[in-house]
Amino acid sequence: MKKCLVPLLCILFLLTGCAAQPSPLMGKISSELSSVVMTRYDCEGQTEFSLADEQIEMLRSWASGLSLKHERFKEGDSPSDVSGGEVYHFSLPDGDFSYRINGPDSCYLYTDGEWYRVRNPSFPFVLK
């Protein structure tokens, strides 16, 4: 019995360790939210957009569809330390967050001082 228990526990640990984490954004993009400021940063500079109503609902839908994995980085080795790419920064009353695109398969979410690798990268809804 003990011989079977160890492999079963290992499999359970691996499966739960690989599960996508719930989005830390959902509490920030509440249904009562009436305005969001989004700023896009890229090699050409920055562009600011004001989002409201339907666009906020699209933001909520886009954010809830992201599959995230929490990651830690050594100082000087975080995704923001890479030159190039583009960043979409969202200013919200309950806390800001940024979506960083360093390449087609290298996207990260940054919120509350924490980094999350995006397992299913997509451009923010406003670019569709």
Foldseek 3Di string as FASTA:
>chain_A
DVVVVVVVVVVVVVVVLPAFDFQPCLVQLDPPFAWKWKWKQFPVGIDIDIDGDPLSVLQNVVRRPWGWDWDDDDPCGDPVNDPGWMKIWIDTPVFIKIWTDPDPQFIWIDTPNTIITTRDDDDRPVVD
